Amino acid sequence: MVLVGAPGCGSDDDDGDDGDDDGAVDAGAADGGRDNVTPCGPELECDRASEICVRSDFDTGQTHECVPLPDGCGSMRTCGDCAAVCDEPAESCTETDEDNVVACPCLVCG
C-alpha cells in the first residue's frame, strides 16, 4: 500500500525546494547576486570585485564612498597598491582592519 500526502503534509510534491528547510537564502540571492559585497560605513556596500571603500576622516567626522579600483590595486587592498583613491586634500592613505576599506585622513578638511 502506498500513501501519498497532500502538499504541505510531507508529500513528495515537487515545489522546487531542495529539501533544505533551514530558511537560509542562497548566497548572492539576497544581495542581487553580488557575492563579494563588503560593508562601507553604516549604509553602503561595495562590490569587492570592482570597488574599494574609501573612508575620509575629517576633524569633524567621517564619510564613506565606494570608488572604482585604481590600476594595480591588489586583493589585499593595501595603501601601497591602492593609495591613488586618496585624492587631495587627504594627507595620506591609512590601512584599516576592515576588509576592502582604506582611510584617507584629512585634518585640515572640515
PDB file of N, CA and C in Angstrom:
ATOM      1  N   MET A   1       0.837  -1.164   0.000  1.00  0.00           N
ATOM      2  CA  MET A   1       0.000   0.000   0.000  1.00  0.00           C
ATOM      3  C   MET A   1       0.888   1.235   0.000  1.00  0.00           C
ATOM      4  N   VAL A   2       0.613   2.219  -0.853  1.00  0.00           N
ATOM      5  CA  VAL A   2       1.368   3.452  -0.967  1.00  0.00           C
ATOM      6  C   VAL A   2       0.487   4.593  -0.514  1.00  0.00           C
ATOM      7  N   LEU A   3       0.972   5.395   0.426  1.00  0.00           N
ATOM      8  CA  LEU A   3       0.229   6.561   0.893  1.00  0.00           C
ATOM      9  C   LEU A   3       0.884   7.805   0.344  1.00  0.00           C
ATOM     10  N   VAL A   4       0.111   8.691  -0.215  1.00  0.00           N
ATOM     11  CA  VAL A   4       0.624   9.952  -0.733  1.00  0.00           C
ATOM     12  C   VAL A   4      -0.085  11.056   0.015  1.00  0.00           C
ATOM     13  N   GLY A   5       0.655  11.924   0.663  1.00  0.00           N
ATOM     14  CA  GLY A   5       0.056  13.012   1.432  1.00  0.00           C
ATOM     15  C   GLY A   5      -0.233  14.212   0.552  1.00  0.00           C
ATOM     16  N   ALA A   6      -1.038  15.094   1.061  1.00  0.00           N
ATOM     17  CA  ALA A   6      -1.360  16.339   0.364  1.00  0.00           C
ATOM     18  C   ALA A   6      -0.181  17.294   0.487  1.00  0.00           C
ATOM     19  N   PRO A   7      -0.067  18.278  -0.438  1.00  0.00           N
ATOM     20  CA  PRO A   7       1.013  19.259  -0.332  1.00  0.00           C
ATOM     21  C   PRO A   7       1.005  19.915   1.049  1.00  0.00           C
ATOM     22  N   GLY A   8       2.185  20.087   1.597  1.00  0.00           N
ATOM     23  CA  GLY A   8       2.309  20.685   2.914  1.00  0.00           C
ATOM     24  C   GLY A   8       2.278  19.656   4.036  1.00  0.00           C
ATOM     25  N   CYS A   9       2.067  18.404   3.700  1.00  0.00           N
ATOM     26  CA  CYS A   9       1.996  17.353   4.728  1.00  0.00           C
ATOM     27  C   CYS A   9       3.151  16.382   4.589  1.00  0.00           C
ATOM     28  N   GLY A  10       4.275  16.829   4.054  1.00  0.00           N
ATOM     29  CA  GLY A  10       5.424  15.950   3.913  1.00  0.00           C
ATOM     30  C   GLY A  10       5.336  15.061   2.688  1.00  0.00           C
ATOM     31  N   SER A  11       4.563  15.472   1.700  1.00  0.00           N
ATOM     32  CA  SER A  11       4.412  14.657   0.493  1.00  0.00           C
ATOM     33  C   SER A  11       5.619  14.789  -0.410  1.00  0.00           C
ATOM     34  N   ASP A  12       5.613  14.075  -1.516  1.00  0.00           N
ATOM     35  CA  ASP A  12       6.697  14.112  -2.486  1.00  0.00           C
ATOM     36  C   ASP A  12       6.451  15.138  -3.572  1.00  0.00           C
ATOM     37  N   ASP A  13       5.563  16.119  -3.333  1.00  0.00           N
ATOM     38  CA  ASP A  13       5.283  17.098  -4.388  1.00  0.00           C
ATOM     39  C   ASP A  13       6.554  17.865  -4.705  1.00  0.00           C
ATOM     40  N   ASP A  14       6.713  18.251  -5.952  1.00  0.00           N
ATOM     41  CA  ASP A  14       7.906  18.947  -6.399  1.00  0.00           C
ATOM     42  C   ASP A  14       7.610  20.432  -6.455  1.00  0.00           C
ATOM     43  N   ASP A  15       7.957  21.136  -5.365  1.00  0.00           N
ATOM     44  CA  ASP A  15       7.700  22.570  -5.325  1.00  0.00           C
ATOM     45  C   ASP A  15       8.951  23.380  -5.656  1.00  0.00           C
ATOM     46  N   GLY A  16      10.013  22.710  -6.112  1.00  0.00           N
ATOM     47  CA  GLY A  16      11.257  23.385  -6.453  1.00  0.00           C
ATOM     48  C   GLY A  16      12.191  23.566  -5.279  1.00  0.00           C
ATOM     49  N   ASP A  17      11.748  23.197  -4.094  1.00  0.00           N
ATOM     50  CA  ASP A  17      12.579  23.299  -2.905  1.00  0.00           C
ATOM     51  C   ASP A  17      13.589  22.164  -2.924  1.00  0.00           C
ATOM     52  N   ASP A  18      14.785  22.447  -2.464  1.00  0.00           N
ATOM     53  CA  ASP A  18      15.809  21.408  -2.459  1.00  0.00           C
ATOM     54  C   ASP A  18      15.699  20.514  -1.234  1.00  0.00           C
ATOM     55  N   GLY A  19      14.708  20.769  -0.406  1.00  0.00           N
ATOM     56  CA  GLY A  19      14.515  19.945   0.775  1.00  0.00           C
ATOM     57  C   GLY A  19      15.216  20.467   2.000  1.00  0.00           C
ATOM     58  N   ASP A  20      16.045  21.474   1.848  1.00  0.00           N
ATOM     59  CA  ASP A  20      16.748  22.062   2.972  1.00  0.00           C
ATOM     60  C   ASP A  20      15.846  23.123   3.576  1.00  0.00           C
ATOM     61  N   ASP A  21      15.274  22.831   4.712  1.00  0.00           N
ATOM     62  CA  ASP A  21      14.297  23.717   5.316  1.00  0.00           C
ATOM     63  C   ASP A  21      14.912  24.605   6.388  1.00  0.00           C
ATOM     64  N   ASP A  22      16.164  25.022   6.218  1.00  0.00           N
ATOM     65  CA  ASP A  22      16.790  25.845   7.235  1.00  0.00           C
ATOM     66  C   ASP A  22      16.403  27.316   7.120  1.00  0.00           C
ATOM     67  N   GLY A  23      15.659  27.673   6.071  1.00  0.00           N
ATOM     68  CA  GLY A  23      15.201  29.040   5.901  1.00  0.00           C
ATOM     69  C   GLY A  23      16.261  29.975   5.372  1.00  0.00           C
ATOM     70  N   ALA A  24      17.460  29.492   5.127  1.00  0.00           N
ATOM     71  CA  ALA A  24      18.531  30.356   4.642  1.00  0.00           C
ATOM     72  C   ALA A  24      18.318  30.694   3.174  1.00  0.00           C
ATOM     73  N   VAL A  25      18.747  31.895   2.813  1.00  0.00           N
ATOM     74  CA  VAL A  25      18.678  32.338   1.430  1.00  0.00           C
ATOM     75  C   VAL A  25      19.999  31.983   0.769  1.00  0.00           C
ATOM     76  N   ASP A  26      19.941  31.517  -0.480  1.00  0.00           N
ATOM     77  CA  ASP A  26      21.161  31.184  -1.199  1.00  0.00           C
ATOM     78  C   ASP A  26      22.097  32.381  -1.217  1.00  0.00           C
ATOM     79  N   ALA A  27      23.389  32.138  -1.082  1.00  0.00           N
ATOM     80  CA  ALA A  27      24.373  33.206  -1.136  1.00  0.00           C
ATOM     81  C   ALA A  27      24.257  33.936  -2.457  1.00  0.00           C
ATOM     82  N   GLY A  28      24.239  35.236  -2.392  1.00  0.00           N
ATOM     83  CA  GLY A  28      24.128  36.040  -3.599  1.00  0.00           C
ATOM     84  C   GLY A  28      22.702  36.416  -3.928  1.00  0.00           C
ATOM     85  N   ALA A  29      21.715  35.660  -3.464  1.00  0.00           N
ATOM     86  CA  ALA A  29      20.327  35.953  -3.821  1.00  0.00           C
ATOM     87  C   ALA A  29      19.833  37.203  -3.103  1.00  0.00           C
ATOM     88  N   ALA A  30      20.158  37.359  -1.840  1.00  0.00           N
ATOM     89  CA  ALA A  30      19.662  38.493  -1.074  1.00  0.00           C
ATOM     90  C   ALA A  30      20.293  39.804  -1.516  1.00  0.00           C
ATOM     91  N   ASP A  31      21.498  39.757  -2.067  1.00  0.00           N
ATOM     92  CA  ASP A  31      22.156  40.991  -2.469  1.00  0.00           C
ATOM     93  C   ASP A  31      22.152  41.179  -3.974  1.00  0.00           C
ATOM     94  N   GLY A  32      21.204  40.582  -4.640  1.00  0.00           N
ATOM     95  CA  GLY A  32      21.085  40.760  -6.077  1.00  0.00           C
ATOM     96  C   GLY A  32      22.133  40.002  -6.855  1.00  0.00           C
ATOM     97  N   GLY A  33      22.743  38.977  -6.249  1.00  0.00           N
ATOM     98  CA  GLY A  33      23.724  38.176  -6.963  1.00  0.00           C
ATOM     99  C   GLY A  33      25.152  38.654  -6.782  1.00  0.00           C
ATOM    100  N   ARG A  34      25.368  39.692  -6.003  1.00  0.00           N
ATOM    101  CA  ARG A  34      26.714  40.206  -5.773  1.00  0.00           C
ATOM    102  C   ARG A  34      27.326  39.444  -4.608  1.00  0.00           C
ATOM    103  N   ASP A  35      28.098  38.401  -4.913  1.00  0.00           N
ATOM    104  CA  ASP A  35      28.683  37.542  -3.887  1.00  0.00           C
ATOM    105  C   ASP A  35      29.761  38.234  -3.064  1.00  0.00           C
ATOM    106  N   ASN A  36      30.430  39.216  -3.618  1.00  0.00           N
ATOM    107  CA  ASN A  36      31.569  39.838  -2.959  1.00  0.00           C
ATOM    108  C   ASN A  36      31.249  41.224  -2.434  1.00  0.00           C
ATOM    109  N   VAL A  37      30.099  41.384  -1.836  1.00  0.00           N
ATOM    110  CA  VAL A  37      29.707  42.679  -1.304  1.00  0.00           C
ATOM    111  C   VAL A  37      30.356  42.876   0.063  1.00  0.00           C
ATOM    112  N   THR A  38      30.966  44.047   0.275  1.00  0.00           N
ATOM    113  CA  THR A  38      31.579  44.359   1.560  1.00  0.00           C
ATOM    114  C   THR A  38      30.959  45.642   2.106  1.00  0.00           C
ATOM    115  N   PRO A  39      30.791  45.738   3.425  1.00  0.00           N
ATOM    116  CA  PRO A  39      30.220  46.952   4.007  1.00  0.00           C
ATOM    117  C   PRO A  39      31.157  48.137   3.828  1.00  0.00           C
ATOM    118  N   CYS A  40      30.541  49.300   3.689  1.00  0.00           N
ATOM    119  CA  CYS A  40      31.288  50.549   3.541  1.00  0.00           C
ATOM    120  C   CYS A  40      30.570  51.598   4.374  1.00  0.00           C
ATOM    121  N   GLY A  41      31.014  51.738   5.609  1.00  0.00           N
ATOM    122  CA  GLY A  41      30.327  52.656   6.505  1.00  0.00           C
ATOM    123  C   GLY A  41      28.993  52.082   6.945  1.00  0.00           C
ATOM    124  N   PRO A  42      28.153  52.923   7.521  1.00  0.00           N
ATOM    125  CA  PRO A  42      26.892  52.430   8.072  1.00  0.00           C
ATOM    126  C   PRO A  42      25.806  52.131   7.039  1.00  0.00           C
ATOM    127  N   GLU A  43      25.948  52.632   5.799  1.00  0.00           N
ATOM    128  CA  GLU A  43      24.854  52.499   4.851  1.00  0.00           C
ATOM    129  C   GLU A  43      25.213  51.906   3.496  1.00  0.00           C
ATOM    130  N   LEU A  44      26.462  51.920   3.106  1.00  0.00           N
ATOM    131  CA  LEU A  44      26.840  51.491   1.760  1.00  0.00           C
ATOM    132  C   LEU A  44      27.390  50.074   1.737  1.00  0.00           C
ATOM    133  N   GLU A  45      27.362  49.487   0.548  1.00  0.00           N
ATOM    134  CA  GLU A  45      28.018  48.208   0.284  1.00  0.00           C
ATOM    135  C   GLU A  45      28.765  48.346  -1.029  1.00  0.00           C
ATOM    136  N   CYS A  46      30.009  47.895  -1.056  1.00  0.00           N
ATOM    137  CA  CYS A  46      30.825  47.963  -2.274  1.00  0.00           C
ATOM    138  C   CYS A  46      30.954  46.572  -2.881  1.00  0.00           C
ATOM    139  N   ASP A  47      31.020  46.527  -4.193  1.00  0.00           N
ATOM    140  CA  ASP A  47      31.281  45.285  -4.920  1.00  0.00           C
ATOM    141  C   ASP A  47      32.789  45.085  -4.923  1.00  0.00           C
ATOM    142  N   ARG A  48      33.272  44.144  -4.108  1.00  0.00           N
ATOM    143  CA  ARG A  48      34.714  43.955  -3.923  1.00  0.00           C
ATOM    144  C   ARG A  48      35.451  43.671  -5.230  1.00  0.00           C
ATOM    145  N   ALA A  49      34.767  43.099  -6.199  1.00  0.00           N
ATOM    146  CA  ALA A  49      35.418  42.765  -7.463  1.00  0.00           C
ATOM    147  C   ALA A  49      35.799  44.012  -8.261  1.00  0.00           C
ATOM    148  N   SER A  50      35.110  45.131  -8.041  1.00  0.00           N
ATOM    149  CA  SER A  50      35.373  46.310  -8.861  1.00  0.00           C
ATOM    150  C   SER A  50      35.482  47.611  -8.068  1.00  0.00           C
ATOM    151  N   GLU A  51      35.227  47.570  -6.754  1.00  0.00           N
ATOM    152  CA  GLU A  51      35.213  48.796  -5.956  1.00  0.00           C
ATOM    153  C   GLU A  51      35.978  48.623  -4.651  1.00  0.00           C
ATOM    154  N   ILE A  52      36.418  49.748  -4.122  1.00  0.00           N
ATOM    155  CA  ILE A  52      37.027  49.788  -2.798  1.00  0.00           C
ATOM    156  C   ILE A  52      36.292  50.862  -2.002  1.00  0.00           C
ATOM    157  N   CYS A  53      36.146  50.636  -0.713  1.00  0.00           N
ATOM    158  CA  CYS A  53      35.502  51.613   0.159  1.00  0.00           C
ATOM    159  C   CYS A  53      36.564  52.598   0.639  1.00  0.00           C
ATOM    160  N   VAL A  54      36.278  53.876   0.446  1.00  0.00           N
ATOM    161  CA  VAL A  54      37.186  54.918   0.903  1.00  0.00           C
ATOM    162  C   VAL A  54      36.513  55.663   2.052  1.00  0.00           C
ATOM    163  N   ARG A  55      37.144  55.595   3.210  1.00  0.00           N
ATOM    164  CA  ARG A  55      36.666  56.329   4.382  1.00  0.00           C
ATOM    165  C   ARG A  55      37.484  57.598   4.489  1.00  0.00           C
ATOM    166  N   SER A  56      36.827  58.728   4.370  1.00  0.00           N
ATOM    167  CA  SER A  56      37.513  60.014   4.527  1.00  0.00           C
ATOM    168  C   SER A  56      37.334  60.470   5.960  1.00  0.00           C
ATOM    169  N   ASP A  57      38.445  60.635   6.656  1.00  0.00           N
ATOM    170  CA  ASP A  57      38.435  61.048   8.053  1.00  0.00           C
ATOM    171  C   ASP A  57      38.706  62.548   8.143  1.00  0.00           C
ATOM    172  N   PHE A  58      37.747  63.273   8.690  1.00  0.00           N
ATOM    173  CA  PHE A  58      37.875  64.709   8.869  1.00  0.00           C
ATOM    174  C   PHE A  58      37.942  65.004  10.355  1.00  0.00           C
ATOM    175  N   ASP A  59      38.332  66.230  10.712  1.00  0.00           N
ATOM    176  CA  ASP A  59      38.351  66.571  12.128  1.00  0.00           C
ATOM    177  C   ASP A  59      36.944  66.607  12.711  1.00  0.00           C
ATOM    178  N   THR A  60      35.933  66.700  11.863  1.00  0.00           N
ATOM    179  CA  THR A  60      34.546  66.743  12.346  1.00  0.00           C
ATOM    180  C   THR A  60      33.781  65.444  12.113  1.00  0.00           C
ATOM    181  N   GLY A  61      34.392  64.412  11.565  1.00  0.00           N
ATOM    182  CA  GLY A  61      33.692  63.149  11.346  1.00  0.00           C
ATOM    183  C   GLY A  61      34.256  62.359  10.179  1.00  0.00           C
ATOM    184  N   GLN A  62      33.406  61.521   9.601  1.00  0.00           N
ATOM    185  CA  GLN A  62      33.822  60.634   8.507  1.00  0.00           C
ATOM    186  C   GLN A  62      32.764  60.616   7.414  1.00  0.00           C
ATOM    187  N   THR A  63      33.226  60.319   6.210  1.00  0.00           N
ATOM    188  CA  THR A  63      32.328  59.994   5.110  1.00  0.00           C
ATOM    189  C   THR A  63      32.836  58.707   4.478  1.00  0.00           C
ATOM    190  N   HIS A  64      31.956  58.000   3.792  1.00  0.00           N
ATOM    191  CA  HIS A  64      32.326  56.759   3.115  1.00  0.00           C
ATOM    192  C   HIS A  64      31.818  56.807   1.694  1.00  0.00           C
ATOM    193  N   GLU A  65      32.580  56.229   0.782  1.00  0.00           N
ATOM    194  CA  GLU A  65      32.120  56.091  -0.593  1.00  0.00           C
ATOM    195  C   GLU A  65      32.793  54.896  -1.253  1.00  0.00           C
ATOM    196  N   CYS A  66      32.069  54.268  -2.182  1.00  0.00           N
ATOM    197  CA  CYS A  66      32.624  53.185  -2.992  1.00  0.00           C
ATOM    198  C   CYS A  66      33.188  53.814  -4.254  1.00  0.00           C
ATOM    199  N   VAL A  67      34.437  53.530  -4.540  1.00  0.00           N
ATOM    200  CA  VAL A  67      35.066  54.081  -5.739  1.00  0.00           C
ATOM    201  C   VAL A  67      35.643  52.936  -6.564  1.00  0.00           C
ATOM    202  N   PRO A  68      35.765  53.143  -7.879  1.00  0.00           N
ATOM    203  CA  PRO A  68      36.365  52.100  -8.719  1.00  0.00           C
ATOM    204  C   PRO A  68      37.797  51.794  -8.291  1.00  0.00           C
ATOM    205  N   LEU A  69      38.180  50.540  -8.415  1.00  0.00           N
ATOM    206  CA  LEU A  69      39.546  50.146  -8.069  1.00  0.00           C
ATOM    207  C   LEU A  69      40.534  50.829  -9.001  1.00  0.00           C
ATOM    208  N   PRO A  70      41.573  51.442  -8.452  1.00  0.00           N
ATOM    209  CA  PRO A  70      42.607  52.015  -9.319  1.00  0.00           C
ATOM    210  C   PRO A  70      43.480  50.901  -9.898  1.00  0.00           C
ATOM    211  N   ASP A  71      44.138  51.188 -11.001  1.00  0.00           N
ATOM    212  CA  ASP A  71      45.054  50.216 -11.585  1.00  0.00           C
ATOM    213  C   ASP A  71      46.093  49.797 -10.564  1.00  0.00           C
ATOM    214  N   GLY A  72      46.355  48.502 -10.484  1.00  0.00           N
ATOM    215  CA  GLY A  72      47.373  47.970  -9.597  1.00  0.00           C
ATOM    216  C   GLY A  72      46.903  47.695  -8.177  1.00  0.00           C
ATOM    217  N   CYS A  73      45.651  47.988  -7.875  1.00  0.00           N
ATOM    218  CA  CYS A  73      45.131  47.754  -6.524  1.00  0.00           C
ATOM    219  C   CYS A  73      44.849  46.264  -6.374  1.00  0.00           C
ATOM    220  N   GLY A  74      45.681  45.571  -5.587  1.00  0.00           N
ATOM    221  CA  GLY A  74      45.586  44.127  -5.434  1.00  0.00           C
ATOM    222  C   GLY A  74      44.489  43.706  -4.473  1.00  0.00           C
ATOM    223  N   SER A  75      44.338  42.420  -4.312  1.00  0.00           N
ATOM    224  CA  SER A  75      43.261  41.868  -3.496  1.00  0.00           C
ATOM    225  C   SER A  75      43.427  42.157  -2.007  1.00  0.00           C
ATOM    226  N   MET A  76      44.641  42.474  -1.556  1.00  0.00           N
ATOM    227  CA  MET A  76      44.855  42.772  -0.141  1.00  0.00           C
ATOM    228  C   MET A  76      44.443  44.198   0.215  1.00  0.00           C
ATOM    229  N   ARG A  77      44.237  45.048  -0.771  1.00  0.00           N
ATOM    230  CA  ARG A  77      43.787  46.427  -0.578  1.00  0.00           C
ATOM    231  C   ARG A  77      44.710  47.211   0.355  1.00  0.00           C
ATOM    232  N   THR A  78      46.002  47.155   0.056  1.00  0.00           N
ATOM    233  CA  THR A  78      46.979  47.898   0.845  1.00  0.00           C
ATOM    234  C   THR A  78      47.136  49.304   0.293  1.00  0.00           C
ATOM    235  N   CYS A  79      47.592  50.209   1.134  1.00  0.00           N
ATOM    236  CA  CYS A  79      47.839  51.565   0.677  1.00  0.00           C
ATOM    237  C   CYS A  79      48.980  51.614  -0.337  1.00  0.00           C
ATOM    238  N   GLY A  80      49.895  50.661  -0.237  1.00  0.00           N
ATOM    239  CA  GLY A  80      50.985  50.611  -1.209  1.00  0.00           C
ATOM    240  C   GLY A  80      50.471  50.421  -2.629  1.00  0.00           C
ATOM    241  N   ASP A  81      49.357  49.716  -2.776  1.00  0.00           N
ATOM    242  CA  ASP A  81      48.788  49.448  -4.095  1.00  0.00           C
ATOM    243  C   ASP A  81      47.595  50.332  -4.434  1.00  0.00           C
ATOM    244  N   CYS A  82      46.896  50.823  -3.427  1.00  0.00           N
ATOM    245  CA  CYS A  82      45.604  51.480  -3.659  1.00  0.00           C
ATOM    246  C   CYS A  82      45.555  52.939  -3.235  1.00  0.00           C
ATOM    247  N   ALA A  83      46.690  53.543  -2.885  1.00  0.00           N
ATOM    248  CA  ALA A  83      46.710  54.913  -2.361  1.00  0.00           C
ATOM    249  C   ALA A  83      46.139  55.939  -3.331  1.00  0.00           C
ATOM    250  N   ALA A  84      46.060  55.606  -4.600  1.00  0.00           N
ATOM    251  CA  ALA A  84      45.536  56.554  -5.585  1.00  0.00           C
ATOM    252  C   ALA A  84      44.102  56.972  -5.290  1.00  0.00           C
ATOM    253  N   VAL A  85      43.374  56.207  -4.464  1.00  0.00           N
ATOM    254  CA  VAL A  85      41.999  56.586  -4.131  1.00  0.00           C
ATOM    255  C   VAL A  85      41.946  57.742  -3.144  1.00  0.00           C
ATOM    256  N   CYS A  86      43.064  58.036  -2.502  1.00  0.00           N
ATOM    257  CA  CYS A  86      43.123  59.149  -1.548  1.00  0.00           C
ATOM    258  C   CYS A  86      43.579  60.409  -2.276  1.00  0.00           C
ATOM    259  N   ASP A  87      42.616  61.135  -2.796  1.00  0.00           N
ATOM    260  CA  ASP A  87      42.913  62.368  -3.521  1.00  0.00           C
ATOM    261  C   ASP A  87      43.174  63.516  -2.553  1.00  0.00           C
ATOM    262  N   GLU A  88      43.825  64.554  -3.061  1.00  0.00           N
ATOM    263  CA  GLU A  88      43.998  65.758  -2.247  1.00  0.00           C
ATOM    264  C   GLU A  88      42.621  66.303  -1.914  1.00  0.00           C
ATOM    265  N   PRO A  89      42.423  66.841  -0.777  1.00  0.00           N
ATOM    266  CA  PRO A  89      43.411  67.278   0.212  1.00  0.00           C
ATOM    267  C   PRO A  89      43.765  66.230   1.263  1.00  0.00           C
ATOM    268  N   ALA A  90      43.402  64.984   1.059  1.00  0.00           N
ATOM    269  CA  ALA A  90      43.790  63.944   2.016  1.00  0.00           C
ATOM    270  C   ALA A  90      45.302  63.922   2.154  1.00  0.00           C
ATOM    271  N   GLU A  91      45.758  63.738   3.370  1.00  0.00           N
ATOM    272  CA  GLU A  91      47.181  63.803   3.633  1.00  0.00           C
ATOM    273  C   GLU A  91      47.907  62.492   3.422  1.00  0.00           C
ATOM    274  N   SER A  92      47.173  61.374   3.440  1.00  0.00           N
ATOM    275  CA  SER A  92      47.824  60.079   3.291  1.00  0.00           C
ATOM    276  C   SER A  92      46.767  59.004   3.099  1.00  0.00           C
ATOM    277  N   CYS A  93      47.234  57.784   2.957  1.00  0.00           N
ATOM    278  CA  CYS A  93      46.369  56.613   2.916  1.00  0.00           C
ATOM    279  C   CYS A  93      46.708  55.788   4.149  1.00  0.00           C
ATOM    280  N   THR A  94      45.679  55.333   4.845  1.00  0.00           N
ATOM    281  CA  THR A  94      45.877  54.526   6.044  1.00  0.00           C
ATOM    282  C   THR A  94      45.112  53.223   5.894  1.00  0.00           C
ATOM    283  N   GLU A  95      45.799  52.107   6.119  1.00  0.00           N
ATOM    284  CA  GLU A  95      45.131  50.811   6.063  1.00  0.00           C
ATOM    285  C   GLU A  95      44.279  50.630   7.311  1.00  0.00           C
ATOM    286  N   THR A  96      43.176  49.914   7.152  1.00  0.00           N
ATOM    287  CA  THR A  96      42.265  49.679   8.269  1.00  0.00           C
ATOM    288  C   THR A  96      42.172  48.181   8.541  1.00  0.00           C
ATOM    289  N   ASP A  97      41.514  47.825   9.625  1.00  0.00           N
ATOM    290  CA  ASP A  97      41.266  46.414   9.932  1.00  0.00           C
ATOM    291  C   ASP A  97      40.056  45.883   9.183  1.00  0.00           C
ATOM    292  N   GLU A  98      39.334  46.755   8.489  1.00  0.00           N
ATOM    293  CA  GLU A  98      38.141  46.367   7.759  1.00  0.00           C
ATOM    294  C   GLU A  98      38.507  45.849   6.375  1.00  0.00           C
ATOM    295  N   ASP A  99      37.795  44.821   5.921  1.00  0.00           N
ATOM    296  CA  ASP A  99      38.038  44.267   4.594  1.00  0.00           C
ATOM    297  C   ASP A  99      37.602  45.260   3.524  1.00  0.00           C
ATOM    298  N   ASN A 100      38.479  45.514   2.560  1.00  0.00           N
ATOM    299  CA  ASN A 100      38.176  46.335   1.392  1.00  0.00           C
ATOM    300  C   ASN A 100      37.953  47.804   1.750  1.00  0.00           C
ATOM    301  N   VAL A 101      38.587  48.281   2.825  1.00  0.00           N
ATOM    302  CA  VAL A 101      38.427  49.677   3.251  1.00  0.00           C
ATOM    303  C   VAL A 101      39.800  50.290   3.497  1.00  0.00           C
ATOM    304  N   VAL A 102      40.029  51.472   2.927  1.00  0.00           N
ATOM    305  CA  VAL A 102      41.188  52.277   3.280  1.00  0.00           C
ATOM    306  C   VAL A 102      40.669  53.615   3.786  1.00  0.00           C
ATOM    307  N   ALA A 103      41.458  54.240   4.646  1.00  0.00           N
ATOM    308  CA  ALA A 103      41.097  55.538   5.203  1.00  0.00           C
ATOM    309  C   ALA A 103      42.003  56.604   4.602  1.00  0.00           C
ATOM    310  N   CYS A 104      41.398  57.744   4.353  1.00  0.00           N
ATOM    311  CA  CYS A 104      42.132  58.883   3.821  1.00  0.00           C
ATOM    312  C   CYS A 104      41.947  60.052   4.780  1.00  0.00           C
ATOM    313  N   PRO A 105      42.840  60.194   5.772  1.00  0.00           N
ATOM    314  CA  PRO A 105      42.684  61.265   6.753  1.00  0.00           C
ATOM    315  C   PRO A 105      42.986  62.639   6.160  1.00  0.00           C
ATOM    316  N   CYS A 106      42.192  63.606   6.572  1.00  0.00           N
ATOM    317  CA  CYS A 106      42.398  64.987   6.149  1.00  0.00           C
ATOM    318  C   CYS A 106      42.073  65.877   7.340  1.00  0.00           C
ATOM    319  N   LEU A 107      43.075  66.237   8.089  1.00  0.00           N
ATOM    320  CA  LEU A 107      42.868  67.005   9.309  1.00  0.00           C
ATOM    321  C   LEU A 107      42.554  68.472   9.040  1.00  0.00           C
ATOM    322  N   VAL A 108      42.892  68.981   7.866  1.00  0.00           N
ATOM    323  CA  VAL A 108      42.596  70.376   7.547  1.00  0.00           C
ATOM    324  C   VAL A 108      41.226  70.532   6.882  1.00  0.00           C
ATOM    325  N   CYS A 109      40.579  69.409   6.593  1.00  0.00           N
ATOM    326  CA  CYS A 109      39.248  69.469   5.989  1.00  0.00           C
ATOM    327  C   CYS A 109      38.235  69.625   7.114  1.00  0.00           C
ATOM    328  N   GLY A 110      37.125  70.240   6.813  1.00  0.00           N
ATOM    329  CA  GLY A 110      36.180  70.444   7.887  1.00  0.00           C
ATOM    330  C   GLY A 110      34.840  70.016   7.545  1.00  0.00           C
TER     331      GLY A 110
END
